[in-house]
Amino acid sequence: MMITIVGSGPVGCYAASLLADKFKVVVFEEHSKIGLPVQCTGIVTQEIFSFIPKRNCFIINKVKDVRIFPPDNKFLKLSLQEPDLIIDRTRFDNYFYNLAKRKGVKFYLNHKFLSAKNGFIFVKDLKLGRVKKFKSSILIGADGPLSSVARASNLFSKRKFFIGVQAVVKRKNNNTIDFYPFKHGFGWAIPENKSTLRVGVASRTNPKEHFEKLLRKYKGKIIAKQGGLIPLFNPYANFCRKNIFLIGDAAGFVKATTSGGLIPGLKSAEILARSLKNNLSYKTGIYLHLFPSLWLHLKMRRLMDSFNQEEWNNFIKEMSKGNSKRVLQGVNRDQLFKLISQTALSNPRILKYGFRHLDQLV
């Protein structure tokens, strides 16, 4: 059986590597190079070691100190027990590409997916400028937030996006992550090293205004700019139909609180591979093993968007108190259920913010 994957990012390549021991797998990618263009903050928690070896060449920094800024700038400073990891996305993507290549996966770069019909897919060879036809039993879309597979398969409806903008800035820093939550988005300053920052915002409203404001705070020589769309998770959106499946950003599997998509994307690849290899339901696997976490992140995003400035200031003040702060420093944010429950137990006063905006949590 031939499996076709569209998209050679880490999620598509990981799915290919997992499926290659049982099926013939080919991957189509419209770009000419793996890992480019870069459209990611490049920050992950140590849960990434569930998918990659601890010894690798693409972790370029580890950061323990985090500051969270409310509107009044009276920030909450955390010292994480497990440092966040800053990765080089091009190297990271190439790790999964090479993993798939070693498993015998065939790649077609410079090939843009066009459509699928009657057991065949149609792609355009961008070098030769002509359309090619390939036989395919199963089609997997791992081609990002504007997924051509989703569009061609009528799986693209009900989508909303953050607009992400980021600059790489030469600026001396103290190796601290700064995080700026605001209504319908957030901003960040993430150190690549002690002389370079990744400064950016993801917002559903006025991203340019938010970005320019943040850049004024982190002045320095801009050496690169990146941008793109980030899906807002929609629990009602379809992500599979018959022999067509979406994974990662193409399915909208992104944490609504931080727009982190790597961990959910890699998990979706595992769920799909297990489903196809064992003749199980992909939809059921997603609902059981990924949906609850993404749903909770979405509810937290809606709660965050409902806060006014005074509530943000007071909420961060409450989270700065001893027991709450210890929980935030000790629990991986990818374990959101555990993080919320332990934080609430440590300081029941924070529950009033949920009760005050209960309509956002149901």
Protein backbone atom coordinates (compact mmCIF):
# COMPACT_ATOMS: atom_id res chain seq x y z
CA MET A 1 0.00 0.00 0.00
CA MET A 2 1.33 3.43 -0.98
CA ILE A 3 1.12 6.25 1.57
CA THR A 4 1.62 9.81 0.36
CA ILE A 5 2.57 12.59 2.78
CA VAL A 6 2.44 16.22 1.74
CA GLY A 7 4.83 18.37 3.78
CA SER A 8 8.39 17.59 4.90
CA GLY A 9 8.39 19.46 8.21
CA PRO A 10 9.23 17.51 11.37
CA VAL A 11 5.65 16.26 11.78
CA GLY A 12 5.40 14.93 8.22
CA CYS A 13 8.87 13.38 8.34
CA TYR A 14 8.22 11.82 11.75
CA ALA A 15 4.99 10.25 10.47
CA ALA A 16 6.89 8.97 7.42
CA SER A 17 9.59 7.37 9.58
CA LEU A 18 6.99 5.63 11.77
CA LEU A 19 5.05 4.26 8.80
CA ALA A 20 7.99 3.21 6.63
CA ASP A 21 8.56 -0.14 8.36
CA LYS A 22 5.15 -1.38 7.18
CA PHE A 23 4.22 0.68 4.10
CA LYS A 24 5.82 2.29 1.09
CA VAL A 25 5.93 6.01 1.87
CA VAL A 26 6.65 9.03 -0.33
CA VAL A 27 6.78 12.68 0.75
CA PHE A 28 6.13 15.71 -1.45
CA GLU A 29 7.46 19.14 -0.48
CA GLU A 30 7.04 22.33 -2.48
CA HIS A 31 10.19 24.00 -1.10
CA SER A 32 13.69 23.19 -2.32
CA LYS A 33 15.32 22.86 1.11
CA ILE A 34 14.32 21.09 4.31
CA GLY A 35 13.74 23.41 7.28
CA LEU A 36 13.32 26.60 5.26
CA PRO A 37 11.72 29.07 5.51
CA VAL A 38 11.85 29.24 9.31
CA GLN A 39 8.47 30.12 10.87
CA CYS A 40 8.81 29.18 14.54
CA THR A 41 9.89 30.64 17.89
CA GLY A 42 11.97 27.50 18.43
CA ILE A 43 11.16 27.05 22.12
CA VAL A 44 10.09 23.68 23.54
CA THR A 45 9.82 21.99 26.90
CA GLN A 46 11.78 18.87 27.79
CA GLU A 47 8.84 16.76 26.69
CA ILE A 48 10.53 16.95 23.28
CA PHE A 49 12.85 14.20 24.54
CA SER A 50 9.92 11.81 24.10
CA PHE A 51 10.59 12.14 20.36
CA ILE A 52 14.32 12.88 20.01
CA PRO A 53 17.54 11.68 21.68
CA LYS A 54 18.95 13.85 24.44
CA ARG A 55 22.25 13.91 22.58
CA ASN A 56 21.71 16.04 19.50
CA CYS A 57 23.12 19.01 17.63
CA PHE A 58 20.09 21.26 17.36
CA ILE A 59 19.54 22.45 20.95
CA ILE A 60 21.36 25.79 20.93
CA ASN A 61 20.37 27.12 24.37
CA LYS A 62 18.77 26.13 27.66
CA VAL A 63 16.90 28.73 29.71
CA LYS A 64 15.75 28.39 33.31
CA ASP A 65 14.63 31.97 34.03
CA VAL A 66 11.26 33.22 32.77
CA ARG A 67 9.51 36.55 33.33
CA ILE A 68 5.77 37.02 32.71
CA PHE A 69 4.73 40.65 32.24
CA PRO A 70 1.20 41.91 32.98
CA PRO A 71 0.12 45.36 31.76
CA ASP A 72 1.58 47.15 34.82
CA ASN A 73 5.01 45.52 34.11
CA LYS A 74 5.24 44.11 37.65
CA PHE A 75 6.49 40.84 36.30
CA LEU A 76 6.42 37.36 37.76
CA LYS A 77 9.88 35.78 37.68
CA LEU A 78 10.19 32.01 37.59
CA SER A 79 13.20 29.72 37.80
CA LEU A 80 12.18 26.50 36.08
CA GLN A 81 13.26 23.17 37.53
CA GLU A 82 13.56 21.83 33.98
CA PRO A 83 14.97 24.47 31.61
CA ASP A 84 13.15 25.33 28.41
CA LEU A 85 15.07 24.40 25.28
CA ILE A 86 15.82 26.69 22.35
CA ILE A 87 16.29 24.78 19.11
CA ASP A 88 17.72 25.50 15.70
CA ARG A 89 14.66 24.71 13.57
CA THR A 90 16.58 23.99 10.38
CA ARG A 91 18.75 21.38 12.10
CA PHE A 92 15.73 20.06 13.98
CA ASP A 93 13.74 19.57 10.78
CA ASN A 94 16.69 17.90 9.10
CA TYR A 95 16.99 15.41 11.96
CA PHE A 96 13.50 14.07 11.19
CA TYR A 97 14.15 14.24 7.43
CA ASN A 98 17.27 12.11 7.77
CA LEU A 99 15.45 9.73 10.11
CA ALA A 100 12.82 9.13 7.42
CA LYS A 101 15.44 8.83 4.66
CA ARG A 102 17.23 6.10 6.62
CA LYS A 103 13.93 4.21 6.81
CA GLY A 104 13.68 4.23 3.01
CA VAL A 105 11.18 7.07 2.55
CA LYS A 106 11.39 8.72 -0.87
CA PHE A 107 11.24 12.52 -1.02
CA TYR A 108 10.21 14.76 -3.91
CA LEU A 109 11.33 18.34 -3.21
CA ASN A 110 10.09 21.21 -5.41
CA HIS A 111 6.81 19.33 -5.91
CA LYS A 112 3.60 21.16 -5.05
CA PHE A 113 0.45 19.16 -4.24
CA LEU A 114 -2.55 20.09 -6.41
CA SER A 115 -5.35 17.55 -5.93
CA ALA A 116 -6.36 13.95 -5.26
CA LYS A 117 -8.86 11.87 -7.23
CA ASN A 118 -9.73 8.19 -7.72
CA GLY A 119 -6.66 6.82 -5.97
CA PHE A 120 -4.22 9.24 -7.60
CA ILE A 121 -2.64 12.50 -6.50
CA PHE A 122 -1.57 15.30 -8.81
CA VAL A 123 1.49 17.42 -8.09
CA LYS A 124 3.35 20.10 -9.99
CA ASP A 125 7.07 19.69 -10.51
CA LEU A 126 8.17 23.28 -9.87
CA LYS A 127 11.52 22.80 -11.61
CA LEU A 128 10.11 21.34 -14.81
CA GLY A 129 6.83 23.24 -14.66
CA ARG A 130 4.65 20.22 -15.43
CA VAL A 131 1.98 18.23 -13.59
CA LYS A 132 2.68 14.64 -12.55
CA LYS A 133 0.31 11.88 -11.44
CA PHE A 134 1.11 9.35 -8.68
CA LYS A 135 -0.87 6.41 -7.36
CA SER A 136 -1.75 6.72 -3.68
CA SER A 137 -3.85 4.62 -1.29
CA ILE A 138 -3.65 7.00 1.69
CA LEU A 139 -3.04 10.75 1.68
CA ILE A 140 -1.67 12.57 4.73
CA GLY A 141 -1.61 16.36 4.97
CA ALA A 142 1.30 17.68 7.01
CA ASP A 143 1.55 20.85 4.98
CA GLY A 144 0.97 23.57 7.55
CA PRO A 145 -1.82 25.94 8.53
CA LEU A 146 -2.91 26.71 4.95
CA SER A 147 -2.87 23.01 4.06
CA SER A 148 -3.49 22.33 0.37
CA VAL A 149 -4.55 18.80 1.30
CA ALA A 150 -7.18 20.17 3.67
CA ARG A 151 -8.46 22.56 1.01
CA ALA A 152 -8.62 19.91 -1.71
CA SER A 153 -10.41 17.52 0.65
CA ASN A 154 -13.03 19.97 1.98
CA LEU A 155 -11.46 19.80 5.45
CA PHE A 156 -10.46 23.47 5.65
CA SER A 157 -13.62 25.09 7.02
CA LYS A 158 -14.04 26.70 10.46
CA ARG A 159 -10.44 27.92 10.75
CA LYS A 160 -9.11 30.94 12.60
CA PHE A 161 -5.50 32.05 12.92
CA PHE A 162 -3.02 34.06 14.91
CA ILE A 163 -0.64 36.12 12.80
CA GLY A 164 2.91 35.51 13.97
CA VAL A 165 5.75 37.99 13.38
CA GLN A 166 9.29 37.55 14.69
CA ALA A 167 12.64 39.28 14.39
CA VAL A 168 16.07 37.95 15.30
CA VAL A 169 17.78 40.84 17.10
CA LYS A 170 21.42 41.30 18.08
CA ARG A 171 21.15 42.39 21.69
CA LYS A 172 22.99 41.46 24.87
CA ASN A 173 20.70 39.76 27.38
CA ASN A 174 20.71 37.82 30.64
CA ASN A 175 19.46 34.54 29.13
CA THR A 176 15.89 35.06 30.34
CA ILE A 177 12.65 34.35 28.46
CA ASP A 178 10.18 37.26 28.58
CA PHE A 179 6.51 36.54 27.94
CA TYR A 180 3.81 39.20 27.41
CA PRO A 181 0.22 37.91 27.46
CA PHE A 182 -2.47 40.22 26.10
CA LYS A 183 -5.99 40.02 24.73
CA HIS A 184 -6.12 37.76 21.64
CA GLY A 185 -2.38 37.11 21.67
CA PHE A 186 0.99 37.33 23.34
CA GLY A 187 4.53 38.52 22.79
CA TRP A 188 7.94 37.06 23.60
CA ALA A 189 11.66 37.66 23.75
CA ILE A 190 13.60 34.39 23.63
CA PRO A 191 17.40 34.22 23.88
CA GLU A 192 19.26 32.19 21.25
CA ASN A 193 22.37 33.05 23.25
CA LYS A 194 23.61 35.92 25.40
CA SER A 195 23.92 38.26 22.42
CA THR A 196 20.89 37.34 20.28
CA LEU A 197 17.13 37.41 20.91
CA ARG A 198 14.10 36.16 19.02
CA VAL A 199 11.49 38.89 19.54
CA GLY A 200 7.96 38.45 18.28
CA VAL A 201 4.21 38.39 18.73
CA ALA A 202 1.32 36.16 17.80
CA SER A 203 -1.95 38.04 17.68
CA ARG A 204 -5.41 37.89 16.15
CA THR A 205 -5.74 41.69 16.29
CA ASN A 206 -3.24 44.41 15.32
CA PRO A 207 -0.14 42.17 15.15
CA LYS A 208 1.97 44.89 13.49
CA GLU A 209 1.18 47.38 16.25
CA HIS A 210 1.99 44.87 19.00
CA PHE A 211 5.19 43.80 17.23
CA GLU A 212 6.51 47.34 16.72
CA LYS A 213 5.78 48.18 20.35
CA LEU A 214 7.74 45.14 21.54
CA LEU A 215 10.66 45.87 19.20
CA ARG A 216 10.98 49.32 20.76
CA LYS A 217 11.56 47.59 24.08
CA TYR A 218 14.26 45.31 22.65
CA LYS A 219 16.25 47.62 20.43
CA GLY A 220 19.09 46.12 18.45
CA LYS A 221 20.25 45.23 14.97
CA ILE A 222 17.63 43.09 13.21
CA ILE A 223 19.41 40.28 11.37
CA ALA A 224 16.35 38.32 10.21
CA LYS A 225 12.57 38.55 10.10
CA GLN A 226 10.07 35.69 9.96
CA GLY A 227 6.32 35.40 9.95
CA GLY A 228 3.36 33.19 9.25
CA LEU A 229 -0.07 32.02 10.30
CA ILE A 230 -0.63 29.96 13.45
CA PRO A 231 -3.88 27.95 13.69
CA LEU A 232 -6.24 28.46 16.59
CA PHE A 233 -7.41 25.00 17.66
CA ASN A 234 -11.04 24.34 16.77
CA PRO A 235 -12.59 21.30 18.49
CA TYR A 236 -15.34 21.15 15.85
CA ALA A 237 -13.09 21.08 12.77
CA ASN A 238 -12.74 17.86 10.78
CA PHE A 239 -9.26 16.38 10.42
CA CYS A 240 -9.89 13.17 8.46
CA ARG A 241 -12.15 11.78 5.76
CA LYS A 242 -12.05 8.23 4.31
CA ASN A 243 -8.40 7.72 3.30
CA ILE A 244 -7.30 11.35 3.89
CA PHE A 245 -5.77 12.43 7.21
CA LEU A 246 -4.42 15.72 8.59
CA ILE A 247 -1.70 16.00 11.23
CA GLY A 248 0.07 18.86 13.02
CA ASP A 249 -0.62 22.43 11.95
CA ALA A 250 -2.54 21.16 8.92
CA ALA A 251 -5.13 19.78 11.35
CA GLY A 252 -4.98 22.84 13.65
CA PHE A 253 -3.36 20.82 16.47
CA VAL A 254 -1.74 23.79 18.21
CA LYS A 255 -1.87 24.91 21.85
CA ALA A 256 -4.08 28.01 21.96
CA THR A 257 -2.28 29.47 25.00
CA THR A 258 1.25 29.62 23.56
CA SER A 259 0.76 28.60 19.90
CA GLY A 260 3.11 25.68 20.46
CA GLY A 261 2.55 23.12 17.71
CA LEU A 262 5.62 20.86 17.70
CA ILE A 263 4.69 18.57 20.60
CA PRO A 264 0.99 18.20 19.61
CA GLY A 265 2.04 17.72 15.99
CA LEU A 266 4.51 14.95 16.76
CA LYS A 267 1.93 13.29 19.00
CA SER A 268 -0.63 13.40 16.18
CA ALA A 269 1.92 11.71 13.89
CA GLU A 270 2.34 8.91 16.43
CA ILE A 271 -1.41 8.48 16.82
CA LEU A 272 -1.93 8.30 13.06
CA ALA A 273 0.92 5.83 12.53
CA ARG A 274 -0.41 3.58 15.28
CA SER A 275 -3.92 3.80 13.81
CA LEU A 276 -2.87 2.92 10.25
CA LYS A 277 -0.53 0.10 11.30
CA ASN A 278 -3.11 -1.52 13.57
CA ASN A 279 -6.32 -0.69 11.65
CA LEU A 280 -7.58 1.59 14.42
CA SER A 281 -9.63 4.79 14.29
CA TYR A 282 -7.44 7.89 13.96
CA LYS A 283 -10.32 10.10 15.07
CA THR A 284 -10.82 8.08 18.25
CA GLY A 285 -7.09 8.17 18.97
CA ILE A 286 -7.00 11.96 18.65
CA TYR A 287 -10.06 12.38 20.86
CA LEU A 288 -8.59 10.12 23.54
CA HIS A 289 -4.92 11.16 23.56
CA LEU A 290 -4.62 14.71 22.18
CA PHE A 291 -8.02 16.42 22.15
CA PRO A 292 -8.39 16.86 25.99
CA SER A 293 -5.14 18.81 26.29
CA LEU A 294 -5.83 21.01 23.25
CA TRP A 295 -9.38 21.64 24.46
CA LEU A 296 -8.08 22.80 27.85
CA HIS A 297 -5.55 25.11 26.21
CA LEU A 298 -8.40 26.59 24.16
CA LYS A 299 -10.50 27.20 27.28
CA MET A 300 -7.54 28.85 28.98
CA ARG A 301 -7.02 31.07 25.93
CA ARG A 302 -10.66 32.18 26.05
CA LEU A 303 -10.32 32.89 29.77
CA MET A 304 -7.14 34.89 29.15
CA ASP A 305 -8.84 36.88 26.40
CA SER A 306 -11.67 37.80 28.79
CA PHE A 307 -9.35 39.47 31.36
CA ASN A 308 -9.20 43.23 31.54
CA GLN A 309 -5.90 44.91 32.45
CA GLU A 310 -6.65 45.11 36.17
CA GLU A 311 -7.54 41.41 36.25
CA TRP A 312 -4.29 40.55 34.48
CA ASN A 313 -2.31 42.58 37.01
CA ASN A 314 -4.08 40.94 39.97
CA PHE A 315 -3.87 37.46 38.46
CA ILE A 316 -0.10 37.67 37.99
CA LYS A 317 0.19 39.07 41.52
CA GLU A 318 -1.67 36.03 42.89
CA MET A 319 0.51 33.66 40.86
CA SER A 320 3.61 35.30 42.35
CA LYS A 321 2.75 34.02 45.81
CA GLY A 322 4.87 31.26 47.29
CA ASN A 323 2.97 28.03 46.71
CA SER A 324 1.63 29.01 43.28
CA LYS A 325 5.05 30.11 42.14
CA ARG A 326 6.61 26.81 43.24
CA VAL A 327 4.06 24.88 41.19
CA LEU A 328 4.69 27.00 38.10
CA GLN A 329 8.42 26.43 38.43
CA GLY A 330 8.11 22.68 38.95
CA VAL A 331 5.41 21.47 36.55
CA ASN A 332 5.99 21.23 32.80
CA ARG A 333 3.53 23.52 31.00
CA ASP A 334 2.85 20.75 28.48
CA GLN A 335 1.17 18.95 31.41
CA LEU A 336 -1.59 21.54 31.60
CA PHE A 337 -4.12 19.49 33.60
CA LYS A 338 -1.54 18.88 36.31
CA LEU A 339 -0.36 22.50 36.21
CA ILE A 340 -3.85 23.96 36.64
CA SER A 341 -4.99 21.53 39.34
CA GLN A 342 -1.86 21.89 41.45
CA THR A 343 -1.84 25.68 41.07
CA ALA A 344 -5.49 25.88 42.15
CA LEU A 345 -4.80 23.67 45.16
CA SER A 346 -1.80 25.76 46.12
CA ASN A 347 -3.79 29.01 46.02
CA PRO A 348 -7.60 28.61 45.83
CA ARG A 349 -7.96 32.40 45.44
CA ILE A 350 -7.05 32.13 41.77
CA LEU A 351 -10.26 30.13 41.18
CA LYS A 352 -12.22 33.36 41.41
CA TYR A 353 -10.89 34.37 37.97
CA GLY A 354 -12.39 31.24 36.48
CA PHE A 355 -15.71 31.72 38.28
CA ARG A 356 -15.84 35.37 37.26
CA HIS A 357 -15.60 34.37 33.59
CA LEU A 358 -17.35 31.02 33.84
CA ASP A 359 -18.99 31.51 30.43
CA GLN A 360 -15.54 31.21 28.83
CA LEU A 361 -14.92 27.80 30.45
CA VAL A 362 -18.06 25.97 29.32
